[in-house]
Amino acid sequence: MIFVMRYEMRLLDNGWAVWDTQANAPAIVEGRWQTGMAMDDADDLTDLLNTLDRLQQEANAGPSNLA
């Protein structure tokens, strides 16, 4: 299974943002845009959201036929 990272970091005028590449907009977590962040926080959240997205994709794919 090939995984394409959905989230990336972008530097905006007001600080770092976690960008949702599918929506082409800032990521939304609990109803809030993830913008104006410190670089370390944006990096950590980007990693977390990509991990959760990968796990969701794997769960949706079902059991592997490689067993």
PDB file of N, CA and C in Angstrom:
ATOM      1  N   MET A   1       0.841  -1.173   0.000  1.00  0.00           N
ATOM      2  CA  MET A   1       0.000   0.000   0.000  1.00  0.00           C
ATOM      3  C   MET A   1       0.889   1.240   0.000  1.00  0.00           C
ATOM      4  N   ILE A   2       0.617   2.139  -0.896  1.00  0.00           N
ATOM      5  CA  ILE A   2       1.364   3.390  -0.973  1.00  0.00           C
ATOM      6  C   ILE A   2       0.616   4.446  -0.179  1.00  0.00           C
ATOM      7  N   PHE A   3       1.361   5.103   0.699  1.00  0.00           N
ATOM      8  CA  PHE A   3       0.762   6.135   1.540  1.00  0.00           C
ATOM      9  C   PHE A   3       1.280   7.496   1.109  1.00  0.00           C
ATOM     10  N   VAL A   4       0.362   8.399   0.810  1.00  0.00           N
ATOM     11  CA  VAL A   4       0.704   9.781   0.485  1.00  0.00           C
ATOM     12  C   VAL A   4       0.320  10.636   1.683  1.00  0.00           C
ATOM     13  N   MET A   5       1.275  11.403   2.184  1.00  0.00           N
ATOM     14  CA  MET A   5       1.001  12.226   3.358  1.00  0.00           C
ATOM     15  C   MET A   5      -0.025  13.303   3.020  1.00  0.00           C
ATOM     16  N   ARG A   6      -1.081  13.335   3.804  1.00  0.00           N
ATOM     17  CA  ARG A   6      -2.171  14.283   3.588  1.00  0.00           C
ATOM     18  C   ARG A   6      -1.840  15.666   4.146  1.00  0.00           C
ATOM     19  N   TYR A   7      -1.096  15.706   5.227  1.00  0.00           N
ATOM     20  CA  TYR A   7      -0.839  16.969   5.929  1.00  0.00           C
ATOM     21  C   TYR A   7       0.615  17.385   5.759  1.00  0.00           C
ATOM     22  N   GLU A   8       0.814  18.706   5.644  1.00  0.00           N
ATOM     23  CA  GLU A   8       2.149  19.257   5.545  1.00  0.00           C
ATOM     24  C   GLU A   8       2.189  20.586   6.298  1.00  0.00           C
ATOM     25  N   MET A   9       3.394  21.036   6.569  1.00  0.00           N
ATOM     26  CA  MET A   9       3.561  22.324   7.237  1.00  0.00           C
ATOM     27  C   MET A   9       3.727  23.415   6.184  1.00  0.00           C
ATOM     28  N   ARG A  10       3.152  24.568   6.482  1.00  0.00           N
ATOM     29  CA  ARG A  10       3.340  25.740   5.620  1.00  0.00           C
ATOM     30  C   ARG A  10       3.576  26.962   6.491  1.00  0.00           C
ATOM     31  N   LEU A  11       4.467  27.832   6.030  1.00  0.00           N
ATOM     32  CA  LEU A  11       4.724  29.080   6.741  1.00  0.00           C
ATOM     33  C   LEU A  11       3.812  30.154   6.167  1.00  0.00           C
ATOM     34  N   LEU A  12       2.937  30.684   7.009  1.00  0.00           N
ATOM     35  CA  LEU A  12       2.014  31.743   6.611  1.00  0.00           C
ATOM     36  C   LEU A  12       2.457  33.055   7.272  1.00  0.00           C
ATOM     37  N   ASP A  13       1.750  34.124   6.974  1.00  0.00           N
ATOM     38  CA  ASP A  13       2.082  35.433   7.547  1.00  0.00           C
ATOM     39  C   ASP A  13       2.014  35.452   9.066  1.00  0.00           C
ATOM     40  N   ASN A  14       1.132  34.636   9.643  1.00  0.00           N
ATOM     41  CA  ASN A  14       0.929  34.661  11.099  1.00  0.00           C
ATOM     42  C   ASN A  14       1.617  33.501  11.822  1.00  0.00           C
ATOM     43  N   GLY A  15       2.524  32.814  11.177  1.00  0.00           N
ATOM     44  CA  GLY A  15       3.235  31.684  11.782  1.00  0.00           C
ATOM     45  C   GLY A  15       3.036  30.422  10.954  1.00  0.00           C
ATOM     46  N   TRP A  16       3.348  29.303  11.560  1.00  0.00           N
ATOM     47  CA  TRP A  16       3.248  28.017  10.872  1.00  0.00           C
ATOM     48  C   TRP A  16       1.821  27.493  10.905  1.00  0.00           C
ATOM     49  N   ALA A  17       1.481  26.740   9.861  1.00  0.00           N
ATOM     50  CA  ALA A  17       0.164  26.112   9.765  1.00  0.00           C
ATOM     51  C   ALA A  17       0.338  24.649   9.402  1.00  0.00           C
ATOM     52  N   VAL A  18      -0.614  23.846   9.831  1.00  0.00           N
ATOM     53  CA  VAL A  18      -0.719  22.470   9.352  1.00  0.00           C
ATOM     54  C   VAL A  18      -1.718  22.519   8.206  1.00  0.00           C
ATOM     55  N   TRP A  19      -1.278  22.111   7.006  1.00  0.00           N
ATOM     56  CA  TRP A  19      -2.068  22.254   5.795  1.00  0.00           C
ATOM     57  C   TRP A  19      -2.624  20.910   5.365  1.00  0.00           C
ATOM     58  N   ASP A  20      -3.918  20.871   5.122  1.00  0.00           N
ATOM     59  CA  ASP A  20      -4.594  19.673   4.618  1.00  0.00           C
ATOM     60  C   ASP A  20      -4.529  19.727   3.097  1.00  0.00           C
ATOM     61  N   THR A  21      -3.704  18.872   2.503  1.00  0.00           N
ATOM     62  CA  THR A  21      -3.504  18.922   1.054  1.00  0.00           C
ATOM     63  C   THR A  21      -4.725  18.441   0.273  1.00  0.00           C
ATOM     64  N   GLN A  22      -5.593  17.652   0.889  1.00  0.00           N
ATOM     65  CA  GLN A  22      -6.813  17.214   0.199  1.00  0.00           C
ATOM     66  C   GLN A  22      -7.836  18.337   0.132  1.00  0.00           C
ATOM     67  N   ALA A  23      -7.932  19.111   1.197  1.00  0.00           N
ATOM     68  CA  ALA A  23      -8.895  20.217   1.243  1.00  0.00           C
ATOM     69  C   ALA A  23      -8.290  21.500   0.685  1.00  0.00           C
ATOM     70  N   ASN A  24      -6.962  21.523   0.529  1.00  0.00           N
ATOM     71  CA  ASN A  24      -6.227  22.717   0.104  1.00  0.00           C
ATOM     72  C   ASN A  24      -6.559  23.903   1.007  1.00  0.00           C
ATOM     73  N   ALA A  25      -6.472  23.636   2.314  1.00  0.00           N
ATOM     74  CA  ALA A  25      -6.801  24.632   3.333  1.00  0.00           C
ATOM     75  C   ALA A  25      -6.127  24.208   4.634  1.00  0.00           C
ATOM     76  N   PRO A  26      -6.072  25.113   5.607  1.00  0.00           N
ATOM     77  CA  PRO A  26      -5.517  24.698   6.899  1.00  0.00           C
ATOM     78  C   PRO A  26      -6.306  23.530   7.481  1.00  0.00           C
ATOM     79  N   ALA A  27      -5.583  22.654   8.183  1.00  0.00           N
ATOM     80  CA  ALA A  27      -6.244  21.545   8.869  1.00  0.00           C
ATOM     81  C   ALA A  27      -7.164  22.105   9.949  1.00  0.00           C
ATOM     82  N   ILE A  28      -8.254  21.398  10.180  1.00  0.00           N
ATOM     83  CA  ILE A  28      -9.201  21.786  11.218  1.00  0.00           C
ATOM     84  C   ILE A  28      -9.216  20.684  12.271  1.00  0.00           C
ATOM     85  N   VAL A  29      -8.954  21.066  13.517  1.00  0.00           N
ATOM     86  CA  VAL A  29      -8.993  20.142  14.650  1.00  0.00           C
ATOM     87  C   VAL A  29      -9.917  20.751  15.687  1.00  0.00           C
ATOM     88  N   GLU A  30     -10.933  19.988  16.057  1.00  0.00           N
ATOM     89  CA  GLU A  30     -11.948  20.448  17.024  1.00  0.00           C
ATOM     90  C   GLU A  30     -12.513  21.815  16.639  1.00  0.00           C
ATOM     91  N   GLY A  31     -12.788  21.978  15.334  1.00  0.00           N
ATOM     92  CA  GLY A  31     -13.436  23.181  14.835  1.00  0.00           C
ATOM     93  C   GLY A  31     -12.536  24.397  14.677  1.00  0.00           C
ATOM     94  N   ARG A  32     -11.229  24.215  14.865  1.00  0.00           N
ATOM     95  CA  ARG A  32     -10.317  25.353  14.766  1.00  0.00           C
ATOM     96  C   ARG A  32      -9.257  25.116  13.701  1.00  0.00           C
ATOM     97  N   TRP A  33      -9.005  26.152  12.895  1.00  0.00           N
ATOM     98  CA  TRP A  33      -7.908  26.081  11.934  1.00  0.00           C
ATOM     99  C   TRP A  33      -6.590  25.989  12.686  1.00  0.00           C
ATOM    100  N   GLN A  34      -5.715  25.167  12.197  1.00  0.00           N
ATOM    101  CA  GLN A  34      -4.407  24.982  12.822  1.00  0.00           C
ATOM    102  C   GLN A  34      -3.394  25.906  12.158  1.00  0.00           C
ATOM    103  N   THR A  35      -3.464  27.186  12.517  1.00  0.00           N
ATOM    104  CA  THR A  35      -2.592  28.221  11.978  1.00  0.00           C
ATOM    105  C   THR A  35      -2.003  29.030  13.128  1.00  0.00           C
ATOM    106  N   GLY A  36      -1.009  29.864  12.805  1.00  0.00           N
ATOM    107  CA  GLY A  36      -0.400  30.722  13.811  1.00  0.00           C
ATOM    108  C   GLY A  36       0.366  29.948  14.867  1.00  0.00           C
ATOM    109  N   MET A  37       0.940  28.841  14.476  1.00  0.00           N
ATOM    110  CA  MET A  37       1.603  27.937  15.421  1.00  0.00           C
ATOM    111  C   MET A  37       3.113  28.139  15.413  1.00  0.00           C
ATOM    112  N   ALA A  38       3.750  27.761  16.522  1.00  0.00           N
ATOM    113  CA  ALA A  38       5.209  27.660  16.565  1.00  0.00           C
ATOM    114  C   ALA A  38       5.618  26.484  15.674  1.00  0.00           C
ATOM    115  N   MET A  39       6.818  26.556  15.119  1.00  0.00           N
ATOM    116  CA  MET A  39       7.271  25.522  14.192  1.00  0.00           C
ATOM    117  C   MET A  39       7.247  24.133  14.834  1.00  0.00           C
ATOM    118  N   ASP A  40       7.731  23.994  16.059  1.00  0.00           N
ATOM    119  CA  ASP A  40       7.761  22.680  16.723  1.00  0.00           C
ATOM    120  C   ASP A  40       6.360  22.110  16.922  1.00  0.00           C
ATOM    121  N   ASP A  41       5.416  22.959  17.297  1.00  0.00           N
ATOM    122  CA  ASP A  41       4.035  22.502  17.497  1.00  0.00           C
ATOM    123  C   ASP A  41       3.412  22.057  16.178  1.00  0.00           C
ATOM    124  N   ALA A  42       3.644  22.833  15.123  1.00  0.00           N
ATOM    125  CA  ALA A  42       3.106  22.471  13.811  1.00  0.00           C
ATOM    126  C   ALA A  42       3.718  21.165  13.320  1.00  0.00           C
ATOM    127  N   ASP A  43       5.004  20.982  13.574  1.00  0.00           N
ATOM    128  CA  ASP A  43       5.680  19.749  13.162  1.00  0.00           C
ATOM    129  C   ASP A  43       5.107  18.541  13.899  1.00  0.00           C
ATOM    130  N   ASP A  44       4.923  18.670  15.203  1.00  0.00           N
ATOM    131  CA  ASP A  44       4.358  17.572  15.999  1.00  0.00           C
ATOM    132  C   ASP A  44       2.933  17.242  15.544  1.00  0.00           C
ATOM    133  N   LEU A  45       2.109  18.256  15.322  1.00  0.00           N
ATOM    134  CA  LEU A  45       0.723  18.011  14.915  1.00  0.00           C
ATOM    135  C   LEU A  45       0.659  17.429  13.510  1.00  0.00           C
ATOM    136  N   THR A  46       1.532  17.890  12.620  1.00  0.00           N
ATOM    137  CA  THR A  46       1.582  17.333  11.267  1.00  0.00           C
ATOM    138  C   THR A  46       1.894  15.843  11.323  1.00  0.00           C
ATOM    139  N   ASP A  47       2.880  15.468  12.125  1.00  0.00           N
ATOM    140  CA  ASP A  47       3.239  14.048  12.275  1.00  0.00           C
ATOM    141  C   ASP A  47       2.069  13.243  12.835  1.00  0.00           C
ATOM    142  N   LEU A  48       1.411  13.781  13.848  1.00  0.00           N
ATOM    143  CA  LEU A  48       0.285  13.084  14.475  1.00  0.00           C
ATOM    144  C   LEU A  48      -0.865  12.888  13.489  1.00  0.00           C
ATOM    145  N   LEU A  49      -1.245  13.948  12.789  1.00  0.00           N
ATOM    146  CA  LEU A  49      -2.367  13.837  11.855  1.00  0.00           C
ATOM    147  C   LEU A  49      -2.045  12.895  10.700  1.00  0.00           C
ATOM    148  N   ASN A  50      -0.807  12.893  10.213  1.00  0.00           N
ATOM    149  CA  ASN A  50      -0.433  11.952   9.153  1.00  0.00           C
ATOM    150  C   ASN A  50      -0.452  10.514   9.655  1.00  0.00           C
ATOM    151  N   THR A  51      -0.037  10.293  10.891  1.00  0.00           N
ATOM    152  CA  THR A  51      -0.096   8.947  11.467  1.00  0.00           C
ATOM    153  C   THR A  51      -1.535   8.475  11.596  1.00  0.00           C
ATOM    154  N   LEU A  52      -2.403   9.324  12.123  1.00  0.00           N
ATOM    155  CA  LEU A  52      -3.819   8.955  12.258  1.00  0.00           C
ATOM    156  C   LEU A  52      -4.458   8.704  10.896  1.00  0.00           C
ATOM    157  N   ASP A  53      -4.109   9.514   9.898  1.00  0.00           N
ATOM    158  CA  ASP A  53      -4.653   9.330   8.552  1.00  0.00           C
ATOM    159  C   ASP A  53      -4.175   8.005   7.952  1.00  0.00           C
ATOM    160  N   ARG A  54      -2.885   7.681   8.153  1.00  0.00           N
ATOM    161  CA  ARG A  54      -2.346   6.414   7.639  1.00  0.00           C
ATOM    162  C   ARG A  54      -3.043   5.220   8.295  1.00  0.00           C
ATOM    163  N   LEU A  55      -3.239   5.294   9.610  1.00  0.00           N
ATOM    164  CA  LEU A  55      -3.922   4.210  10.306  1.00  0.00           C
ATOM    165  C   LEU A  55      -5.356   4.038   9.811  1.00  0.00           C
ATOM    166  N   GLN A  56      -6.023   5.155   9.544  1.00  0.00           N
ATOM    167  CA  GLN A  56      -7.390   5.091   9.014  1.00  0.00           C
ATOM    168  C   GLN A  56      -7.403   4.464   7.628  1.00  0.00           C
ATOM    169  N   GLN A  57      -6.448   4.841   6.788  1.00  0.00           N
ATOM    170  CA  GLN A  57      -6.374   4.247   5.444  1.00  0.00           C
ATOM    171  C   GLN A  57      -6.107   2.752   5.511  1.00  0.00           C
ATOM    172  N   GLU A  58      -5.228   2.344   6.415  1.00  0.00           N
ATOM    173  CA  GLU A  58      -4.935   0.920   6.572  1.00  0.00           C
ATOM    174  C   GLU A  58      -6.159   0.157   7.060  1.00  0.00           C
ATOM    175  N   ALA A  59      -6.901   0.735   7.983  1.00  0.00           N
ATOM    176  CA  ALA A  59      -8.114   0.092   8.508  1.00  0.00           C
ATOM    177  C   ALA A  59      -9.164  -0.032   7.411  1.00  0.00           C
ATOM    178  N   ASN A  60      -9.273   0.976   6.572  1.00  0.00           N
ATOM    179  CA  ASN A  60     -10.261   0.954   5.483  1.00  0.00           C
ATOM    180  C   ASN A  60      -9.874  -0.044   4.393  1.00  0.00           C
ATOM    181  N   ALA A  61      -8.573  -0.334   4.253  1.00  0.00           N
ATOM    182  CA  ALA A  61      -8.114  -1.248   3.225  1.00  0.00           C
ATOM    183  C   ALA A  61      -8.430  -2.695   3.567  1.00  0.00           C
ATOM    184  N   GLY A  62      -8.621  -2.981   4.840  1.00  0.00           N
ATOM    185  CA  GLY A  62      -8.938  -4.346   5.240  1.00  0.00           C
ATOM    186  C   GLY A  62      -7.685  -5.189   5.376  1.00  0.00           C
ATOM    187  N   PRO A  63      -7.880  -6.488   5.630  1.00  0.00           N
ATOM    188  CA  PRO A  63      -6.733  -7.397   5.824  1.00  0.00           C
ATOM    189  C   PRO A  63      -5.906  -7.522   4.551  1.00  0.00           C
ATOM    190  N   SER A  64      -4.627  -7.696   4.753  1.00  0.00           N
ATOM    191  CA  SER A  64      -3.708  -7.850   3.625  1.00  0.00           C
ATOM    192  C   SER A  64      -3.838  -9.250   3.027  1.00  0.00           C
ATOM    193  N   ASN A  65      -3.633  -9.331   1.728  1.00  0.00           N
ATOM    194  CA  ASN A  65      -3.656 -10.622   1.044  1.00  0.00           C
ATOM    195  C   ASN A  65      -2.260 -11.233   0.995  1.00  0.00           C
ATOM    196  N   LEU A  66      -1.300 -10.640   1.718  1.00  0.00           N
ATOM    197  CA  LEU A  66       0.072 -11.099   1.661  1.00  0.00           C
ATOM    198  C   LEU A  66       0.404 -12.143   2.715  1.00  0.00           C
ATOM    199  N   ALA A  67      -0.548 -12.577   3.506  1.00  0.00           N
ATOM    200  CA  ALA A  67      -0.285 -13.504   4.606  1.00  0.00           C
ATOM    201  C   ALA A  67       0.174 -14.835   4.144  1.00  0.00           C
TER     202      ALA A  67
END
